[in-house]
């Protein structure tokens, strides 16, 4: 059984993990994140940076629906707050 309680989270991060976190922060410091909104209710689910690709699994905290998002398909926002999907 997989127990993912907060008690299992390490209190001190390893130097390798800290280096990865700092490297990602430094790589994105001059980039503007783009919001990814829930396709069902329009609530912001997460943000993405240019160059991000692949799939993520997300759950909307507003409507509770789960979805798999192809980051390449969510390229740019339209003026009405929705998103253009790449065909």
PDB file of N, CA and C in Angstrom:
ATOM      1  N   UNK A   1       0.839  -1.174   0.000  1.00  0.00           N
ATOM      2  CA  UNK A   1       0.000   0.000   0.000  1.00  0.00           C
ATOM      3  C   UNK A   1       0.887   1.241   0.000  1.00  0.00           C
ATOM      4  N   UNK A   2       0.563   2.194  -0.835  1.00  0.00           N
ATOM      5  CA  UNK A   2       1.362   3.400  -0.974  1.00  0.00           C
ATOM      6  C   UNK A   2       0.827   4.482  -0.044  1.00  0.00           C
ATOM      7  N   UNK A   3       1.585   4.829   0.981  1.00  0.00           N
ATOM      8  CA  UNK A   3       1.171   5.839   1.948  1.00  0.00           C
ATOM      9  C   UNK A   3       1.847   7.161   1.601  1.00  0.00           C
ATOM     10  N   UNK A   4       1.075   8.116   1.106  1.00  0.00           N
ATOM     11  CA  UNK A   4       1.635   9.393   0.691  1.00  0.00           C
ATOM     12  C   UNK A   4       1.273  10.515   1.660  1.00  0.00           C
ATOM     13  N   UNK A   5       1.312  10.230   2.940  1.00  0.00           N
ATOM     14  CA  UNK A   5       0.982  11.270   3.908  1.00  0.00           C
ATOM     15  C   UNK A   5       2.097  12.304   3.961  1.00  0.00           C
ATOM     16  N   UNK A   6       1.785  13.456   4.507  1.00  0.00           N
ATOM     17  CA  UNK A   6       2.763  14.526   4.597  1.00  0.00           C
ATOM     18  C   UNK A   6       3.933  14.155   5.499  1.00  0.00           C
ATOM     19  N   UNK A   7       3.770  13.178   6.340  1.00  0.00           N
ATOM     20  CA  UNK A   7       4.853  12.753   7.225  1.00  0.00           C
ATOM     21  C   UNK A   7       5.986  12.079   6.472  1.00  0.00           C
ATOM     22  N   UNK A   8       5.724  11.595   5.249  1.00  0.00           N
ATOM     23  CA  UNK A   8       6.742  10.907   4.464  1.00  0.00           C
ATOM     24  C   UNK A   8       7.581  11.854   3.622  1.00  0.00           C
ATOM     25  N   UNK A   9       7.255  13.137   3.611  1.00  0.00           N
ATOM     26  CA  UNK A   9       8.011  14.106   2.830  1.00  0.00           C
ATOM     27  C   UNK A   9       9.294  14.428   3.582  1.00  0.00           C
ATOM     28  N   UNK A  10      10.462  14.355   2.903  1.00  0.00           N
ATOM     29  CA  UNK A  10      11.717  14.629   3.607  1.00  0.00           C
ATOM     30  C   UNK A  10      11.779  16.082   4.074  1.00  0.00           C
ATOM     31  N   UNK A  11      12.282  16.278   5.273  1.00  0.00           N
ATOM     32  CA  UNK A  11      12.387  17.623   5.843  1.00  0.00           C
ATOM     33  C   UNK A  11      13.561  18.389   5.229  1.00  0.00           C
ATOM     34  N   UNK A  12      14.611  17.681   4.839  1.00  0.00           N
ATOM     35  CA  UNK A  12      15.800  18.299   4.258  1.00  0.00           C
ATOM     36  C   UNK A  12      15.998  17.707   2.870  1.00  0.00           C
ATOM     37  N   UNK A  13      16.132  18.574   1.878  1.00  0.00           N
ATOM     38  CA  UNK A  13      16.336  18.108   0.508  1.00  0.00           C
ATOM     39  C   UNK A  13      17.806  17.821   0.259  1.00  0.00           C
ATOM     40  N   UNK A  14      18.060  16.855  -0.603  1.00  0.00           N
ATOM     41  CA  UNK A  14      19.442  16.517  -0.928  1.00  0.00           C
ATOM     42  C   UNK A  14      20.061  17.634  -1.763  1.00  0.00           C
ATOM     43  N   UNK A  15      21.380  17.752  -1.770  1.00  0.00           N
ATOM     44  CA  UNK A  15      22.042  18.781  -2.586  1.00  0.00           C
ATOM     45  C   UNK A  15      21.720  18.644  -4.072  1.00  0.00           C
ATOM     46  N   UNK A  16      21.540  17.413  -4.552  1.00  0.00           N
ATOM     47  CA  UNK A  16      21.207  17.203  -5.963  1.00  0.00           C
ATOM     48  C   UNK A  16      19.820  17.758  -6.279  1.00  0.00           C
ATOM     49  N   UNK A  17      18.862  17.517  -5.390  1.00  0.00           N
ATOM     50  CA  UNK A  17      17.510  18.026  -5.596  1.00  0.00           C
ATOM     51  C   UNK A  17      17.493  19.550  -5.540  1.00  0.00           C
ATOM     52  N   UNK A  18      18.196  20.123  -4.589  1.00  0.00           N
ATOM     53  CA  UNK A  18      18.288  21.586  -4.504  1.00  0.00           C
ATOM     54  C   UNK A  18      18.926  22.178  -5.760  1.00  0.00           C
ATOM     55  N   UNK A  19      19.942  21.512  -6.294  1.00  0.00           N
ATOM     56  CA  UNK A  19      20.593  21.998  -7.512  1.00  0.00           C
ATOM     57  C   UNK A  19      19.625  21.961  -8.692  1.00  0.00           C
ATOM     58  N   UNK A  20      18.799  20.905  -8.795  1.00  0.00           N
ATOM     59  CA  UNK A  20      17.796  20.825  -9.867  1.00  0.00           C
ATOM     60  C   UNK A  20      16.754  21.923  -9.737  1.00  0.00           C
ATOM     61  N   UNK A  21      16.301  22.187  -8.519  1.00  0.00           N
ATOM     62  CA  UNK A  21      15.304  23.236  -8.289  1.00  0.00           C
ATOM     63  C   UNK A  21      15.880  24.595  -8.656  1.00  0.00           C
ATOM     64  N   UNK A  22      17.102  24.875  -8.204  1.00  0.00           N
ATOM     65  CA  UNK A  22      17.739  26.158  -8.525  1.00  0.00           C
ATOM     66  C   UNK A  22      18.006  26.291 -10.014  1.00  0.00           C
ATOM     67  N   UNK A  23      18.409  25.207 -10.667  1.00  0.00           N
ATOM     68  CA  UNK A  23      18.653  25.244 -12.105  1.00  0.00           C
ATOM     69  C   UNK A  23      17.389  25.557 -12.887  1.00  0.00           C
ATOM     70  N   UNK A  24      16.273  24.947 -12.495  1.00  0.00           N
ATOM     71  CA  UNK A  24      15.000  25.224 -13.173  1.00  0.00           C
ATOM     72  C   UNK A  24      14.560  26.656 -12.931  1.00  0.00           C
ATOM     73  N   UNK A  25      14.740  27.138 -11.711  1.00  0.00           N
ATOM     74  CA  UNK A  25      14.383  28.526 -11.397  1.00  0.00           C
ATOM     75  C   UNK A  25      15.221  29.497 -12.222  1.00  0.00           C
ATOM     76  N   UNK A  26      16.521  29.235 -12.336  1.00  0.00           N
ATOM     77  CA  UNK A  26      17.398  30.118 -13.107  1.00  0.00           C
ATOM     78  C   UNK A  26      17.079  30.067 -14.595  1.00  0.00           C
ATOM     79  N   UNK A  27      16.713  28.893 -15.095  1.00  0.00           N
ATOM     80  CA  UNK A  27      16.412  28.743 -16.520  1.00  0.00           C
ATOM     81  C   UNK A  27      15.127  29.457 -16.915  1.00  0.00           C
ATOM     82  N   UNK A  28      14.224  29.664 -15.967  1.00  0.00           N
ATOM     83  CA  UNK A  28      12.932  30.277 -16.289  1.00  0.00           C
ATOM     84  C   UNK A  28      12.779  31.691 -15.742  1.00  0.00           C
ATOM     85  N   UNK A  29      13.819  32.262 -15.162  1.00  0.00           N
ATOM     86  CA  UNK A  29      13.668  33.563 -14.508  1.00  0.00           C
ATOM     87  C   UNK A  29      13.312  34.687 -15.475  1.00  0.00           C
ATOM     88  N   UNK A  30      13.724  34.599 -16.739  1.00  0.00           N
ATOM     89  CA  UNK A  30      13.425  35.643 -17.721  1.00  0.00           C
ATOM     90  C   UNK A  30      12.252  35.287 -18.624  1.00  0.00           C
ATOM     91  N   UNK A  31      11.576  34.190 -18.354  1.00  0.00           N
ATOM     92  CA  UNK A  31      10.462  33.745 -19.184  1.00  0.00           C
ATOM     93  C   UNK A  31       9.139  34.022 -18.481  1.00  0.00           C
ATOM     94  N   UNK A  32       8.134  34.326 -19.272  1.00  0.00           N
ATOM     95  CA  UNK A  32       6.800  34.589 -18.747  1.00  0.00           C
ATOM     96  C   UNK A  32       5.972  33.306 -18.831  1.00  0.00           C
ATOM     97  N   UNK A  33       5.450  32.807 -17.706  1.00  0.00           N
ATOM     98  CA  UNK A  33       4.628  31.601 -17.771  1.00  0.00           C
ATOM     99  C   UNK A  33       3.274  31.891 -18.405  1.00  0.00           C
ATOM    100  N   UNK A  34       2.741  30.882 -19.083  1.00  0.00           N
ATOM    101  CA  UNK A  34       1.417  30.988 -19.692  1.00  0.00           C
ATOM    102  C   UNK A  34       0.463  30.085 -18.919  1.00  0.00           C
ATOM    103  N   UNK A  35      -0.697  30.598 -18.542  1.00  0.00           N
ATOM    104  CA  UNK A  35      -1.635  29.766 -17.774  1.00  0.00           C
ATOM    105  C   UNK A  35      -2.294  28.703 -18.647  1.00  0.00           C
ATOM    106  N   UNK A  36      -2.511  27.546 -18.067  1.00  0.00           N
ATOM    107  CA  UNK A  36      -3.294  26.480 -18.691  1.00  0.00           C
ATOM    108  C   UNK A  36      -4.605  26.438 -17.907  1.00  0.00           C
ATOM    109  N   UNK A  37      -5.712  26.640 -18.598  1.00  0.00           N
ATOM    110  CA  UNK A  37      -7.016  26.662 -17.941  1.00  0.00           C
ATOM    111  C   UNK A  37      -7.761  25.356 -18.170  1.00  0.00           C
ATOM    112  N   UNK A  38      -8.621  25.045 -17.222  1.00  0.00           N
ATOM    113  CA  UNK A  38      -9.462  23.858 -17.309  1.00  0.00           C
ATOM    114  C   UNK A  38     -10.369  23.993 -18.531  1.00  0.00           C
ATOM    115  N   UNK A  39     -10.398  22.987 -19.415  1.00  0.00           N
ATOM    116  CA  UNK A  39     -11.261  23.079 -20.590  1.00  0.00           C
ATOM    117  C   UNK A  39     -12.747  22.992 -20.245  1.00  0.00           C
ATOM    118  N   UNK A  40     -13.073  22.539 -19.042  1.00  0.00           N
ATOM    119  CA  UNK A  40     -14.465  22.398 -18.639  1.00  0.00           C
ATOM    120  C   UNK A  40     -15.026  23.672 -18.021  1.00  0.00           C
ATOM    121  N   UNK A  41     -14.282  24.292 -17.106  1.00  0.00           N
ATOM    122  CA  UNK A  41     -14.831  25.455 -16.384  1.00  0.00           C
ATOM    123  C   UNK A  41     -14.017  26.734 -16.554  1.00  0.00           C
ATOM    124  N   UNK A  42     -12.817  26.647 -17.137  1.00  0.00           N
ATOM    125  CA  UNK A  42     -12.010  27.838 -17.375  1.00  0.00           C
ATOM    126  C   UNK A  42     -11.130  28.262 -16.211  1.00  0.00           C
ATOM    127  N   UNK A  43     -11.138  27.523 -15.105  1.00  0.00           N
ATOM    128  CA  UNK A  43     -10.291  27.845 -13.955  1.00  0.00           C
ATOM    129  C   UNK A  43      -8.832  27.522 -14.295  1.00  0.00           C
ATOM    130  N   UNK A  44      -7.890  28.348 -13.806  1.00  0.00           N
ATOM    131  CA  UNK A  44      -6.465  28.088 -14.072  1.00  0.00           C
ATOM    132  C   UNK A  44      -6.030  26.834 -13.327  1.00  0.00           C
ATOM    133  N   UNK A  45      -5.466  25.892 -14.081  1.00  0.00           N
ATOM    134  CA  UNK A  45      -5.022  24.621 -13.512  1.00  0.00           C
ATOM    135  C   UNK A  45      -3.532  24.684 -13.183  1.00  0.00           C
ATOM    136  N   UNK A  46      -2.732  25.235 -14.106  1.00  0.00           N
ATOM    137  CA  UNK A  46      -1.286  25.314 -13.922  1.00  0.00           C
ATOM    138  C   UNK A  46      -0.726  26.338 -14.889  1.00  0.00           C
ATOM    139  N   UNK A  47       0.572  26.505 -14.897  1.00  0.00           N
ATOM    140  CA  UNK A  47       1.262  27.383 -15.836  1.00  0.00           C
ATOM    141  C   UNK A  47       2.272  26.568 -16.611  1.00  0.00           C
ATOM    142  N   UNK A  48       2.613  27.052 -17.816  1.00  0.00           N
ATOM    143  CA  UNK A  48       3.657  26.406 -18.607  1.00  0.00           C
ATOM    144  C   UNK A  48       4.572  27.460 -19.189  1.00  0.00           C
ATOM    145  N   UNK A  49       5.787  27.072 -19.476  1.00  0.00           N
ATOM    146  CA  UNK A  49       6.772  27.944 -20.096  1.00  0.00           C
ATOM    147  C   UNK A  49       6.969  27.518 -21.540  1.00  0.00           C
ATOM    148  N   UNK A  50       7.401  28.462 -22.391  1.00  0.00           N
ATOM    149  CA  UNK A  50       7.721  28.126 -23.775  1.00  0.00           C
ATOM    150  C   UNK A  50       8.758  27.013 -23.788  1.00  0.00           C
ATOM    151  N   UNK A  51       8.583  26.091 -24.687  1.00  0.00           N
ATOM    152  CA  UNK A  51       9.506  24.972 -24.804  1.00  0.00           C
ATOM    153  C   UNK A  51       9.062  23.746 -24.034  1.00  0.00           C
ATOM    154  N   UNK A  52       8.089  23.891 -23.146  1.00  0.00           N
ATOM    155  CA  UNK A  52       7.598  22.730 -22.405  1.00  0.00           C
ATOM    156  C   UNK A  52       6.813  21.842 -23.356  1.00  0.00           C
ATOM    157  N   UNK A  53       7.053  20.558 -23.281  1.00  0.00           N
ATOM    158  CA  UNK A  53       6.323  19.618 -24.129  1.00  0.00           C
ATOM    159  C   UNK A  53       6.033  18.365 -23.333  1.00  0.00           C
ATOM    160  N   UNK A  54       5.195  17.549 -23.885  1.00  0.00           N
ATOM    161  CA  UNK A  54       4.817  16.321 -23.208  1.00  0.00           C
ATOM    162  C   UNK A  54       3.413  16.424 -22.647  1.00  0.00           C
ATOM    163  N   UNK A  55       3.070  15.482 -21.827  1.00  0.00           N
ATOM    164  CA  UNK A  55       1.738  15.394 -21.257  1.00  0.00           C
ATOM    165  C   UNK A  55       1.820  15.539 -19.745  1.00  0.00           C
ATOM    166  N   UNK A  56       0.812  16.188 -19.173  1.00  0.00           N
ATOM    167  CA  UNK A  56       0.699  16.258 -17.723  1.00  0.00           C
ATOM    168  C   UNK A  56      -0.697  15.818 -17.324  1.00  0.00           C
ATOM    169  N   UNK A  57      -0.813  15.302 -16.146  1.00  0.00           N
ATOM    170  CA  UNK A  57      -2.108  14.918 -15.581  1.00  0.00           C
ATOM    171  C   UNK A  57      -2.446  15.986 -14.553  1.00  0.00           C
ATOM    172  N   UNK A  58      -3.619  16.561 -14.636  1.00  0.00           N
ATOM    173  CA  UNK A  58      -4.006  17.640 -13.734  1.00  0.00           C
ATOM    174  C   UNK A  58      -5.434  17.429 -13.255  1.00  0.00           C
ATOM    175  N   UNK A  59      -5.712  17.993 -12.088  1.00  0.00           N
ATOM    176  CA  UNK A  59      -7.061  17.989 -11.540  1.00  0.00           C
ATOM    177  C   UNK A  59      -7.436  19.428 -11.242  1.00  0.00           C
ATOM    178  N   UNK A  60      -8.585  19.857 -11.747  1.00  0.00           N
ATOM    179  CA  UNK A  60      -9.059  21.214 -11.529  1.00  0.00           C
ATOM    180  C   UNK A  60      -9.538  21.334 -10.084  1.00  0.00           C
ATOM    181  N   UNK A  61      -9.046  22.342  -9.383  1.00  0.00           N
ATOM    182  CA  UNK A  61      -9.461  22.541  -7.992  1.00  0.00           C
ATOM    183  C   UNK A  61     -10.827  23.200  -7.900  1.00  0.00           C
ATOM    184  N   UNK A  62     -11.346  23.687  -9.035  1.00  0.00           N
ATOM    185  CA  UNK A  62     -12.656  24.329  -9.026  1.00  0.00           C
ATOM    186  C   UNK A  62     -13.778  23.322  -9.302  1.00  0.00           C
ATOM    187  N   UNK A  63     -13.705  22.630 -10.443  1.00  0.00           N
ATOM    188  CA  UNK A  63     -14.784  21.704 -10.798  1.00  0.00           C
ATOM    189  C   UNK A  63     -14.490  20.254 -10.404  1.00  0.00           C
ATOM    190  N   UNK A  64     -13.226  19.943 -10.063  1.00  0.00           N
ATOM    191  CA  UNK A  64     -12.870  18.604  -9.610  1.00  0.00           C
ATOM    192  C   UNK A  64     -12.604  17.603 -10.712  1.00  0.00           C
ATOM    193  N   UNK A  65     -12.717  18.009 -11.971  1.00  0.00           N
ATOM    194  CA  UNK A  65     -12.472  17.068 -13.069  1.00  0.00           C
ATOM    195  C   UNK A  65     -10.982  16.857 -13.267  1.00  0.00           C
ATOM    196  N   UNK A  66     -10.629  15.640 -13.656  1.00  0.00           N
ATOM    197  CA  UNK A  66      -9.247  15.301 -13.967  1.00  0.00           C
ATOM    198  C   UNK A  66      -9.080  15.266 -15.466  1.00  0.00           C
ATOM    199  N   UNK A  67      -7.900  15.637 -15.933  1.00  0.00           N
ATOM    200  CA  UNK A  67      -7.644  15.678 -17.369  1.00  0.00           C
ATOM    201  C   UNK A  67      -6.178  15.404 -17.651  1.00  0.00           C
ATOM    202  N   UNK A  68      -5.905  14.927 -18.850  1.00  0.00           N
ATOM    203  CA  UNK A  68      -4.551  14.817 -19.356  1.00  0.00           C
ATOM    204  C   UNK A  68      -4.389  15.934 -20.371  1.00  0.00           C
ATOM    205  N   UNK A  69      -3.335  16.719 -20.210  1.00  0.00           N
ATOM    206  CA  UNK A  69      -3.119  17.894 -21.061  1.00  0.00           C
ATOM    207  C   UNK A  69      -1.855  17.687 -21.871  1.00  0.00           C
ATOM    208  N   UNK A  70      -1.967  17.875 -23.186  1.00  0.00           N
ATOM    209  CA  UNK A  70      -0.820  17.871 -24.080  1.00  0.00           C
ATOM    210  C   UNK A  70      -0.309  19.308 -24.122  1.00  0.00           C
ATOM    211  N   UNK A  71       0.851  19.565 -23.538  1.00  0.00           N
ATOM    212  CA  UNK A  71       1.360  20.929 -23.423  1.00  0.00           C
ATOM    213  C   UNK A  71       1.612  21.590 -24.767  1.00  0.00           C
ATOM    214  N   UNK A  72       1.932  20.819 -25.786  1.00  0.00           N
ATOM    215  CA  UNK A  72       2.170  21.395 -27.107  1.00  0.00           C
ATOM    216  C   UNK A  72       0.878  21.931 -27.712  1.00  0.00           C
ATOM    217  N   UNK A  73      -0.250  21.347 -27.353  1.00  0.00           N
ATOM    218  CA  UNK A  73      -1.530  21.778 -27.911  1.00  0.00           C
ATOM    219  C   UNK A  73      -2.036  23.085 -27.307  1.00  0.00           C
ATOM    220  N   UNK A  74      -1.500  23.504 -26.193  1.00  0.00           N
ATOM    221  CA  UNK A  74      -1.946  24.716 -25.510  1.00  0.00           C
ATOM    222  C   UNK A  74      -0.882  25.783 -25.702  1.00  0.00           C
ATOM    223  N   UNK A  75      -0.853  26.382 -26.877  1.00  0.00           N
ATOM    224  CA  UNK A  75       0.229  27.281 -27.235  1.00  0.00           C
ATOM    225  C   UNK A  75       0.029  28.727 -26.830  1.00  0.00           C
ATOM    226  N   UNK A  76      -1.131  29.311 -27.105  1.00  0.00           N
ATOM    227  CA  UNK A  76      -1.297  30.743 -26.866  1.00  0.00           C
ATOM    228  C   UNK A  76      -2.726  31.062 -26.478  1.00  0.00           C
ATOM    229  N   UNK A  77      -2.858  32.106 -25.693  1.00  0.00           N
ATOM    230  CA  UNK A  77      -4.182  32.517 -25.227  1.00  0.00           C
ATOM    231  C   UNK A  77      -4.839  33.421 -26.247  1.00  0.00           C
ATOM    232  N   UNK A  78      -6.161  33.355 -26.361  1.00  0.00           N
ATOM    233  CA  UNK A  78      -6.876  34.299 -27.217  1.00  0.00           C
ATOM    234  C   UNK A  78      -7.375  35.458 -26.361  1.00  0.00           C
ATOM    235  N   UNK A  79      -7.806  36.550 -26.952  1.00  0.00           N
ATOM    236  CA  UNK A  79      -8.200  37.730 -26.180  1.00  0.00           C
ATOM    237  C   UNK A  79      -9.391  37.515 -25.241  1.00  0.00           C
ATOM    238  N   UNK A  80     -10.199  36.491 -25.469  1.00  0.00           N
ATOM    239  CA  UNK A  80     -11.377  36.248 -24.638  1.00  0.00           C
ATOM    240  C   UNK A  80     -11.074  35.371 -23.419  1.00  0.00           C
ATOM    241  N   UNK A  81      -9.817  35.035 -23.199  1.00  0.00           N
ATOM    242  CA  UNK A  81      -9.446  34.250 -22.017  1.00  0.00           C
ATOM    243  C   UNK A  81      -9.421  32.760 -22.274  1.00  0.00           C
ATOM    244  N   UNK A  82      -9.858  32.296 -23.420  1.00  0.00           N
ATOM    245  CA  UNK A  82      -9.790  30.869 -23.757  1.00  0.00           C
ATOM    246  C   UNK A  82      -8.465  30.549 -24.399  1.00  0.00           C
ATOM    247  N   UNK A  83      -8.378  29.423 -25.044  1.00  0.00           N
ATOM    248  CA  UNK A  83      -7.124  29.012 -25.652  1.00  0.00           C
ATOM    249  C   UNK A  83      -7.355  28.489 -27.057  1.00  0.00           C
ATOM    250  N   UNK A  84      -6.414  28.801 -27.926  1.00  0.00           N
ATOM    251  CA  UNK A  84      -6.405  28.234 -29.258  1.00  0.00           C
ATOM    252  C   UNK A  84      -5.736  26.876 -29.152  1.00  0.00           C
ATOM    253  N   UNK A  85      -6.349  25.886 -29.724  1.00  0.00           N
ATOM    254  CA  UNK A  85      -5.730  24.562 -29.745  1.00  0.00           C
ATOM    255  C   UNK A  85      -5.088  24.367 -31.093  1.00  0.00           C
ATOM    256  N   UNK A  86      -3.900  23.834 -31.085  1.00  0.00           N
ATOM    257  CA  UNK A  86      -3.200  23.551 -32.326  1.00  0.00           C
ATOM    258  C   UNK A  86      -3.807  22.319 -32.973  1.00  0.00           C
ATOM    259  N   UNK A  87      -4.079  22.362 -34.243  1.00  0.00           N
ATOM    260  CA  UNK A  87      -4.663  21.210 -34.948  1.00  0.00           C
ATOM    261  C   UNK A  87      -3.603  20.360 -35.562  1.00  0.00           C
TER     262      UNK A  87
END
